[in-house]
Amino acid sequence: MLTRDHLWHFLRQEAFADNIVELHAELELQQLLNQFFDRALFYGVEGYEEANRKIPPKSDLQRVRDLAVAIGLVSAHPVKSQSPEE
């Protein structure tokens, strides 16, 4: 949404509608930009929801473990600890 707003702000600063045809072209461009970004947002959310349906949600503990492995705090395969009897 911010990208759309920045792009539209830039176009408004650079455009000078001197006649009704240019004004109509600006309004049409605005409509097309809004339609593009609305569709991008819709399909992005739809893809996110589809991915969540396919992959079961992880518990908070599992997400923390995955993060710790990703940043190298722990190894991916935990070392089995030996019991005092061995």
PDB file of N, CA and C in Angstrom:
ATOM      1  N   MET A   1       0.825  -1.182   0.000  1.00  0.00           N
ATOM      2  CA  MET A   1       0.000   0.000   0.000  1.00  0.00           C
ATOM      3  C   MET A   1       0.880   1.261   0.000  1.00  0.00           C
ATOM      4  N   LEU A   2       1.982   1.193   0.727  1.00  0.00           N
ATOM      5  CA  LEU A   2       2.880   2.350   0.734  1.00  0.00           C
ATOM      6  C   LEU A   2       3.512   2.580  -0.635  1.00  0.00           C
ATOM      7  N   THR A   3       3.852   1.497  -1.315  1.00  0.00           N
ATOM      8  CA  THR A   3       4.431   1.624  -2.655  1.00  0.00           C
ATOM      9  C   THR A   3       3.445   2.299  -3.588  1.00  0.00           C
ATOM     10  N   ARG A   4       2.198   1.878  -3.528  1.00  0.00           N
ATOM     11  CA  ARG A   4       1.168   2.492  -4.378  1.00  0.00           C
ATOM     12  C   ARG A   4       1.042   3.979  -4.063  1.00  0.00           C
ATOM     13  N   ASP A   5       1.007   4.305  -2.772  1.00  0.00           N
ATOM     14  CA  ASP A   5       0.868   5.710  -2.388  1.00  0.00           C
ATOM     15  C   ASP A   5       2.058   6.550  -2.835  1.00  0.00           C
ATOM     16  N   HIS A   6       3.275   6.011  -2.689  1.00  0.00           N
ATOM     17  CA  HIS A   6       4.467   6.753  -3.124  1.00  0.00           C
ATOM     18  C   HIS A   6       4.479   6.917  -4.639  1.00  0.00           C
ATOM     19  N   LEU A   7       4.127   5.860  -5.349  1.00  0.00           N
ATOM     20  CA  LEU A   7       4.089   5.940  -6.801  1.00  0.00           C
ATOM     21  C   LEU A   7       3.053   6.959  -7.260  1.00  0.00           C
ATOM     22  N   TRP A   8       1.881   6.921  -6.658  1.00  0.00           N
ATOM     23  CA  TRP A   8       0.834   7.864  -7.053  1.00  0.00           C
ATOM     24  C   TRP A   8       1.242   9.300  -6.717  1.00  0.00           C
ATOM     25  N   HIS A   9       1.874   9.488  -5.557  1.00  0.00           N
ATOM     26  CA  HIS A   9       2.334  10.828  -5.175  1.00  0.00           C
ATOM     27  C   HIS A   9       3.361  11.345  -6.187  1.00  0.00           C
ATOM     28  N   PHE A  10       4.284  10.477  -6.574  1.00  0.00           N
ATOM     29  CA  PHE A  10       5.292  10.865  -7.568  1.00  0.00           C
ATOM     30  C   PHE A  10       4.642  11.242  -8.889  1.00  0.00           C
ATOM     31  N   LEU A  11       3.701  10.421  -9.348  1.00  0.00           N
ATOM     32  CA  LEU A  11       3.036  10.700 -10.620  1.00  0.00           C
ATOM     33  C   LEU A  11       2.239  12.002 -10.564  1.00  0.00           C
ATOM     34  N   ARG A  12       1.618  12.280  -9.443  1.00  0.00           N
ATOM     35  CA  ARG A  12       0.856  13.520  -9.300  1.00  0.00           C
ATOM     36  C   ARG A  12       1.784  14.736  -9.355  1.00  0.00           C
ATOM     37  N   GLN A  13       2.989  14.602  -8.782  1.00  0.00           N
ATOM     38  CA  GLN A  13       3.937  15.724  -8.819  1.00  0.00           C
ATOM     39  C   GLN A  13       4.452  15.978 -10.230  1.00  0.00           C
ATOM     40  N   GLU A  14       4.631  14.916 -11.005  1.00  0.00           N
ATOM     41  CA  GLU A  14       5.220  15.032 -12.336  1.00  0.00           C
ATOM     42  C   GLU A  14       4.193  15.323 -13.424  1.00  0.00           C
ATOM     43  N   ALA A  15       2.933  15.063 -13.171  1.00  0.00           N
ATOM     44  CA  ALA A  15       1.913  15.211 -14.205  1.00  0.00           C
ATOM     45  C   ALA A  15       1.318  16.616 -14.173  1.00  0.00           C
ATOM     46  N   PHE A  16       1.032  17.102 -15.352  1.00  0.00           N
ATOM     47  CA  PHE A  16       0.350  18.382 -15.486  1.00  0.00           C
ATOM     48  C   PHE A  16      -0.794  18.191 -16.476  1.00  0.00           C
ATOM     49  N   ALA A  17      -1.980  18.062 -15.959  1.00  0.00           N
ATOM     50  CA  ALA A  17      -3.148  17.871 -16.823  1.00  0.00           C
ATOM     51  C   ALA A  17      -3.618  19.239 -17.302  1.00  0.00           C
ATOM     52  N   ASP A  18      -3.317  19.540 -18.564  1.00  0.00           N
ATOM     53  CA  ASP A  18      -3.694  20.831 -19.137  1.00  0.00           C
ATOM     54  C   ASP A  18      -5.063  20.813 -19.789  1.00  0.00           C
ATOM     55  N   ASN A  19      -5.551  19.612 -20.073  1.00  0.00           N
ATOM     56  CA  ASN A  19      -6.854  19.558 -20.729  1.00  0.00           C
ATOM     57  C   ASN A  19      -7.625  18.339 -20.219  1.00  0.00           C
ATOM     58  N   ILE A  20      -8.823  18.215 -20.658  1.00  0.00           N
ATOM     59  CA  ILE A  20      -9.708  17.168 -20.167  1.00  0.00           C
ATOM     60  C   ILE A  20      -9.217  15.779 -20.559  1.00  0.00           C
ATOM     61  N   VAL A  21      -8.573  15.660 -21.723  1.00  0.00           N
ATOM     62  CA  VAL A  21      -8.061  14.353 -22.170  1.00  0.00           C
ATOM     63  C   VAL A  21      -6.941  13.893 -21.250  1.00  0.00           C
ATOM     64  N   GLU A  22      -6.027  14.781 -20.897  1.00  0.00           N
ATOM     65  CA  GLU A  22      -4.934  14.428 -19.991  1.00  0.00           C
ATOM     66  C   GLU A  22      -5.464  14.114 -18.594  1.00  0.00           C
ATOM     67  N   LEU A  23      -6.459  14.865 -18.145  1.00  0.00           N
ATOM     68  CA  LEU A  23      -7.066  14.586 -16.848  1.00  0.00           C
ATOM     69  C   LEU A  23      -7.722  13.212 -16.849  1.00  0.00           C
ATOM     70  N   HIS A  24      -8.413  12.896 -17.923  1.00  0.00           N
ATOM     71  CA  HIS A  24      -9.040  11.577 -18.047  1.00  0.00           C
ATOM     72  C   HIS A  24      -7.968  10.480 -18.035  1.00  0.00           C
ATOM     73  N   ALA A  25      -6.849  10.706 -18.719  1.00  0.00           N
ATOM     74  CA  ALA A  25      -5.753   9.732 -18.743  1.00  0.00           C
ATOM     75  C   ALA A  25      -5.178   9.533 -17.338  1.00  0.00           C
ATOM     76  N   GLU A  26      -5.040  10.610 -16.567  1.00  0.00           N
ATOM     77  CA  GLU A  26      -4.547  10.500 -15.192  1.00  0.00           C
ATOM     78  C   GLU A  26      -5.502   9.677 -14.333  1.00  0.00           C
ATOM     79  N   LEU A  27      -6.780   9.940 -14.480  1.00  0.00           N
ATOM     80  CA  LEU A  27      -7.765   9.188 -13.696  1.00  0.00           C
ATOM     81  C   LEU A  27      -7.780   7.713 -14.084  1.00  0.00           C
ATOM     82  N   GLU A  28      -7.618   7.432 -15.365  1.00  0.00           N
ATOM     83  CA  GLU A  28      -7.560   6.048 -15.820  1.00  0.00           C
ATOM     84  C   GLU A  28      -6.309   5.354 -15.279  1.00  0.00           C
ATOM     85  N   LEU A  29      -5.187   6.064 -15.294  1.00  0.00           N
ATOM     86  CA  LEU A  29      -3.961   5.505 -14.735  1.00  0.00           C
ATOM     87  C   LEU A  29      -4.127   5.212 -13.248  1.00  0.00           C
ATOM     88  N   GLN A  30      -4.754   6.113 -12.527  1.00  0.00           N
ATOM     89  CA  GLN A  30      -4.996   5.887 -11.107  1.00  0.00           C
ATOM     90  C   GLN A  30      -5.857   4.644 -10.903  1.00  0.00           C
ATOM     91  N   GLN A  31      -6.876   4.485 -11.707  1.00  0.00           N
ATOM     92  CA  GLN A  31      -7.744   3.316 -11.587  1.00  0.00           C
ATOM     93  C   GLN A  31      -6.960   2.033 -11.871  1.00  0.00           C
ATOM     94  N   LEU A  32      -6.119   2.039 -12.904  1.00  0.00           N
ATOM     95  CA  LEU A  32      -5.331   0.855 -13.238  1.00  0.00           C
ATOM     96  C   LEU A  32      -4.313   0.526 -12.145  1.00  0.00           C
ATOM     97  N   LEU A  33      -3.682   1.559 -11.584  1.00  0.00           N
ATOM     98  CA  LEU A  33      -2.736   1.318 -10.483  1.00  0.00           C
ATOM     99  C   LEU A  33      -3.441   0.731  -9.263  1.00  0.00           C
ATOM    100  N   ASN A  34      -4.584   1.292  -8.919  1.00  0.00           N
ATOM    101  CA  ASN A  34      -5.340   0.760  -7.786  1.00  0.00           C
ATOM    102  C   ASN A  34      -5.751  -0.679  -8.033  1.00  0.00           C
ATOM    103  N   GLN A  35      -6.194  -0.974  -9.248  1.00  0.00           N
ATOM    104  CA  GLN A  35      -6.599  -2.339  -9.585  1.00  0.00           C
ATOM    105  C   GLN A  35      -5.403  -3.296  -9.488  1.00  0.00           C
ATOM    106  N   PHE A  36      -4.243  -2.881  -9.994  1.00  0.00           N
ATOM    107  CA  PHE A  36      -3.042  -3.709  -9.920  1.00  0.00           C
ATOM    108  C   PHE A  36      -2.673  -4.022  -8.481  1.00  0.00           C
ATOM    109  N   PHE A  37      -2.597  -2.993  -7.652  1.00  0.00           N
ATOM    110  CA  PHE A  37      -2.182  -3.215  -6.268  1.00  0.00           C
ATOM    111  C   PHE A  37      -3.248  -3.964  -5.462  1.00  0.00           C
ATOM    112  N   ASP A  38      -4.520  -3.738  -5.759  1.00  0.00           N
ATOM    113  CA  ASP A  38      -5.572  -4.503  -5.088  1.00  0.00           C
ATOM    114  C   ASP A  38      -5.461  -5.983  -5.421  1.00  0.00           C
ATOM    115  N   ARG A  39      -5.215  -6.286  -6.688  1.00  0.00           N
ATOM    116  CA  ARG A  39      -5.061  -7.692  -7.086  1.00  0.00           C
ATOM    117  C   ARG A  39      -3.802  -8.305  -6.474  1.00  0.00           C
ATOM    118  N   ALA A  40      -2.710  -7.560  -6.460  1.00  0.00           N
ATOM    119  CA  ALA A  40      -1.475  -8.072  -5.861  1.00  0.00           C
ATOM    120  C   ALA A  40      -1.691  -8.395  -4.392  1.00  0.00           C
ATOM    121  N   LEU A  41      -2.368  -7.526  -3.685  1.00  0.00           N
ATOM    122  CA  LEU A  41      -2.660  -7.756  -2.271  1.00  0.00           C
ATOM    123  C   LEU A  41      -3.575  -8.964  -2.093  1.00  0.00           C
ATOM    124  N   PHE A  42      -4.612  -9.054  -2.917  1.00  0.00           N
ATOM    125  CA  PHE A  42      -5.555 -10.167  -2.823  1.00  0.00           C
ATOM    126  C   PHE A  42      -4.848 -11.499  -3.047  1.00  0.00           C
ATOM    127  N   TYR A  43      -4.073 -11.608  -4.130  1.00  0.00           N
ATOM    128  CA  TYR A  43      -3.422 -12.879  -4.427  1.00  0.00           C
ATOM    129  C   TYR A  43      -2.299 -13.190  -3.433  1.00  0.00           C
ATOM    130  N   GLY A  44      -1.670 -12.171  -2.890  1.00  0.00           N
ATOM    131  CA  GLY A  44      -0.679 -12.404  -1.846  1.00  0.00           C
ATOM    132  C   GLY A  44      -1.306 -13.004  -0.605  1.00  0.00           C
ATOM    133  N   VAL A  45      -2.432 -12.457  -0.181  1.00  0.00           N
ATOM    134  CA  VAL A  45      -3.146 -12.988   0.986  1.00  0.00           C
ATOM    135  C   VAL A  45      -3.672 -14.382   0.686  1.00  0.00           C
ATOM    136  N   GLU A  46      -4.207 -14.581  -0.501  1.00  0.00           N
ATOM    137  CA  GLU A  46      -4.729 -15.894  -0.879  1.00  0.00           C
ATOM    138  C   GLU A  46      -3.613 -16.944  -0.860  1.00  0.00           C
ATOM    139  N   GLY A  47      -2.442 -16.612  -1.387  1.00  0.00           N
ATOM    140  CA  GLY A  47      -1.307 -17.535  -1.360  1.00  0.00           C
ATOM    141  C   GLY A  47      -0.844 -17.827   0.055  1.00  0.00           C
ATOM    142  N   TYR A  48      -0.830 -16.816   0.897  1.00  0.00           N
ATOM    143  CA  TYR A  48      -0.438 -17.002   2.295  1.00  0.00           C
ATOM    144  C   TYR A  48      -1.399 -17.959   2.998  1.00  0.00           C
ATOM    145  N   GLU A  49      -2.696 -17.768   2.778  1.00  0.00           N
ATOM    146  CA  GLU A  49      -3.681 -18.641   3.407  1.00  0.00           C
ATOM    147  C   GLU A  49      -3.571 -20.067   2.882  1.00  0.00           C
ATOM    148  N   GLU A  50      -3.323 -20.234   1.591  1.00  0.00           N
ATOM    149  CA  GLU A  50      -3.174 -21.570   1.020  1.00  0.00           C
ATOM    150  C   GLU A  50      -1.951 -22.278   1.608  1.00  0.00           C
ATOM    151  N   ALA A  51      -0.865 -21.551   1.758  1.00  0.00           N
ATOM    152  CA  ALA A  51       0.337 -22.139   2.343  1.00  0.00           C
ATOM    153  C   ALA A  51       0.088 -22.565   3.781  1.00  0.00           C
ATOM    154  N   ASN A  52      -0.665 -21.785   4.523  1.00  0.00           N
ATOM    155  CA  ASN A  52      -0.963 -22.147   5.909  1.00  0.00           C
ATOM    156  C   ASN A  52      -1.859 -23.367   6.001  1.00  0.00           C
ATOM    157  N   ARG A  53      -2.726 -23.575   5.011  1.00  0.00           N
ATOM    158  CA  ARG A  53      -3.585 -24.769   5.021  1.00  0.00           C
ATOM    159  C   ARG A  53      -2.775 -26.025   4.743  1.00  0.00           C
ATOM    160  N   LYS A  54      -1.740 -25.931   3.914  1.00  0.00           N
ATOM    161  CA  LYS A  54      -0.934 -27.092   3.545  1.00  0.00           C
ATOM    162  C   LYS A  54       0.062 -27.479   4.626  1.00  0.00           C
ATOM    163  N   ILE A  55       0.551 -26.518   5.352  1.00  0.00           N
ATOM    164  CA  ILE A  55       1.569 -26.765   6.369  1.00  0.00           C
ATOM    165  C   ILE A  55       0.919 -26.585   7.736  1.00  0.00           C
ATOM    166  N   PRO A  56       0.930 -27.644   8.563  1.00  0.00           N
ATOM    167  CA  PRO A  56       0.328 -27.478   9.884  1.00  0.00           C
ATOM    168  C   PRO A  56       1.091 -26.433  10.698  1.00  0.00           C
ATOM    169  N   PRO A  57       0.384 -25.639  11.489  1.00  0.00           N
ATOM    170  CA  PRO A  57       1.063 -24.601  12.271  1.00  0.00           C
ATOM    171  C   PRO A  57       2.017 -25.205  13.294  1.00  0.00           C
ATOM    172  N   LYS A  58       3.124 -24.537  13.522  1.00  0.00           N
ATOM    173  CA  LYS A  58       4.111 -24.992  14.498  1.00  0.00           C
ATOM    174  C   LYS A  58       3.808 -24.375  15.851  1.00  0.00           C
ATOM    175  N   SER A  59       4.242 -25.080  16.875  1.00  0.00           N
ATOM    176  CA  SER A  59       4.094 -24.539  18.214  1.00  0.00           C
ATOM    177  C   SER A  59       5.121 -23.425  18.414  1.00  0.00           C
ATOM    178  N   ASP A  60       4.928 -22.626  19.446  1.00  0.00           N
ATOM    179  CA  ASP A  60       5.872 -21.547  19.736  1.00  0.00           C
ATOM    180  C   ASP A  60       7.263 -22.109  20.004  1.00  0.00           C
ATOM    181  N   LEU A  61       7.328 -23.245  20.722  1.00  0.00           N
ATOM    182  CA  LEU A  61       8.616 -23.854  21.038  1.00  0.00           C
ATOM    183  C   LEU A  61       9.327 -24.307  19.760  1.00  0.00           C
ATOM    184  N   GLN A  62       8.598 -24.899  18.821  1.00  0.00           N
ATOM    185  CA  GLN A  62       9.204 -25.347  17.572  1.00  0.00           C
ATOM    186  C   GLN A  62       9.708 -24.168  16.746  1.00  0.00           C
ATOM    187  N   ARG A  63       8.957 -23.057  16.729  1.00  0.00           N
ATOM    188  CA  ARG A  63       9.412 -21.870  15.989  1.00  0.00           C
ATOM    189  C   ARG A  63      10.680 -21.293  16.605  1.00  0.00           C
ATOM    190  N   VAL A  64      10.767 -21.304  17.943  1.00  0.00           N
ATOM    191  CA  VAL A  64      11.971 -20.808  18.616  1.00  0.00           C
ATOM    192  C   VAL A  64      13.150 -21.712  18.299  1.00  0.00           C
ATOM    193  N   ARG A  65      12.935 -23.036  18.316  1.00  0.00           N
ATOM    194  CA  ARG A  65      14.021 -23.968  17.969  1.00  0.00           C
ATOM    195  C   ARG A  65      14.487 -23.748  16.527  1.00  0.00           C
ATOM    196  N   ASP A  66      13.542 -23.604  15.608  1.00  0.00           N
ATOM    197  CA  ASP A  66      13.903 -23.368  14.204  1.00  0.00           C
ATOM    198  C   ASP A  66      14.709 -22.086  14.048  1.00  0.00           C
ATOM    199  N   LEU A  67      14.319 -21.042  14.766  1.00  0.00           N
ATOM    200  CA  LEU A  67      15.055 -19.785  14.716  1.00  0.00           C
ATOM    201  C   LEU A  67      16.458 -19.953  15.291  1.00  0.00           C
ATOM    202  N   ALA A  68      16.574 -20.669  16.408  1.00  0.00           N
ATOM    203  CA  ALA A  68      17.884 -20.888  17.023  1.00  0.00           C
ATOM    204  C   ALA A  68      18.800 -21.663  16.082  1.00  0.00           C
ATOM    205  N   VAL A  69      18.268 -22.635  15.369  1.00  0.00           N
ATOM    206  CA  VAL A  69      19.066 -23.381  14.392  1.00  0.00           C
ATOM    207  C   VAL A  69      19.450 -22.469  13.236  1.00  0.00           C
ATOM    208  N   ALA A  70      18.512 -21.664  12.773  1.00  0.00           N
ATOM    209  CA  ALA A  70      18.768 -20.788  11.626  1.00  0.00           C
ATOM    210  C   ALA A  70      19.871 -19.782  11.898  1.00  0.00           C
ATOM    211  N   ILE A  71      19.960 -19.280  13.109  1.00  0.00           N
ATOM    212  CA  ILE A  71      20.993 -18.279  13.410  1.00  0.00           C
ATOM    213  C   ILE A  71      22.231 -18.898  14.046  1.00  0.00           C
ATOM    214  N   GLY A  72      22.251 -20.252  14.146  1.00  0.00           N
ATOM    215  CA  GLY A  72      23.457 -20.947  14.590  1.00  0.00           C
ATOM    216  C   GLY A  72      23.647 -21.056  16.086  1.00  0.00           C
ATOM    217  N   LEU A  73      22.606 -20.844  16.866  1.00  0.00           N
ATOM    218  CA  LEU A  73      22.748 -20.973  18.315  1.00  0.00           C
ATOM    219  C   LEU A  73      22.802 -22.431  18.759  1.00  0.00           C
ATOM    220  N   VAL A  74      22.121 -23.286  18.038  1.00  0.00           N
ATOM    221  CA  VAL A  74      22.123 -24.723  18.347  1.00  0.00           C
ATOM    222  C   VAL A  74      22.266 -25.484  17.038  1.00  0.00           C
ATOM    223  N   SER A  75      22.686 -26.748  17.144  1.00  0.00           N
ATOM    224  CA  SER A  75      22.805 -27.557  15.934  1.00  0.00           C
ATOM    225  C   SER A  75      21.439 -28.113  15.561  1.00  0.00           C
ATOM    226  N   ALA A  76      21.312 -28.492  14.310  1.00  0.00           N
ATOM    227  CA  ALA A  76      20.039 -29.007  13.821  1.00  0.00           C
ATOM    228  C   ALA A  76      19.712 -30.362  14.425  1.00  0.00           C
ATOM    229  N   HIS A  77      20.754 -31.136  14.761  1.00  0.00           N
ATOM    230  CA  HIS A  77      20.556 -32.456  15.359  1.00  0.00           C
ATOM    231  C   HIS A  77      21.074 -32.416  16.788  1.00  0.00           C
ATOM    232  N   PRO A  78      20.170 -32.479  17.752  1.00  0.00           N
ATOM    233  CA  PRO A  78      20.620 -32.396  19.146  1.00  0.00           C
ATOM    234  C   PRO A  78      21.509 -33.586  19.509  1.00  0.00           C
ATOM    235  N   VAL A  79      22.524 -33.310  20.319  1.00  0.00           N
ATOM    236  CA  VAL A  79      23.447 -34.339  20.787  1.00  0.00           C
ATOM    237  C   VAL A  79      22.774 -35.060  21.932  1.00  0.00           C
ATOM    238  N   LYS A  80      22.801 -36.423  21.847  1.00  0.00           N
ATOM    239  CA  LYS A  80      22.199 -37.199  22.921  1.00  0.00           C
ATOM    240  C   LYS A  80      23.113 -37.147  24.136  1.00  0.00           C
ATOM    241  N   SER A  81      22.525 -36.831  25.261  1.00  0.00           N
ATOM    242  CA  SER A  81      23.334 -36.780  26.469  1.00  0.00           C
ATOM    243  C   SER A  81      23.468 -38.168  27.041  1.00  0.00           C
ATOM    244  N   GLN A  82      24.631 -38.446  27.604  1.00  0.00           N
ATOM    245  CA  GLN A  82      24.864 -39.755  28.197  1.00  0.00           C
ATOM    246  C   GLN A  82      24.399 -39.733  29.649  1.00  0.00           C
ATOM    247  N   SER A  83      23.789 -40.826  30.039  1.00  0.00           N
ATOM    248  CA  SER A  83      23.323 -40.908  31.431  1.00  0.00           C
ATOM    249  C   SER A  83      24.509 -41.212  32.327  1.00  0.00           C
ATOM    250  N   PRO A  84      24.438 -40.872  33.592  1.00  0.00           N
ATOM    251  CA  PRO A  84      25.566 -41.093  34.524  1.00  0.00           C
ATOM    252  C   PRO A  84      25.913 -42.577  34.671  1.00  0.00           C
ATOM    253  N   GLU A  85      24.981 -43.468  34.348  1.00  0.00           N
ATOM    254  CA  GLU A  85      25.255 -44.892  34.507  1.00  0.00           C
ATOM    255  C   GLU A  85      26.194 -45.404  33.431  1.00  0.00           C
ATOM    256  N   GLU A  86      26.340 -44.740  32.316  1.00  0.00           N
ATOM    257  CA  GLU A  86      27.169 -45.228  31.219  1.00  0.00           C
ATOM    258  C   GLU A  86      28.595 -44.858  31.391  1.00  0.00           C
TER     259      GLU A  86
END
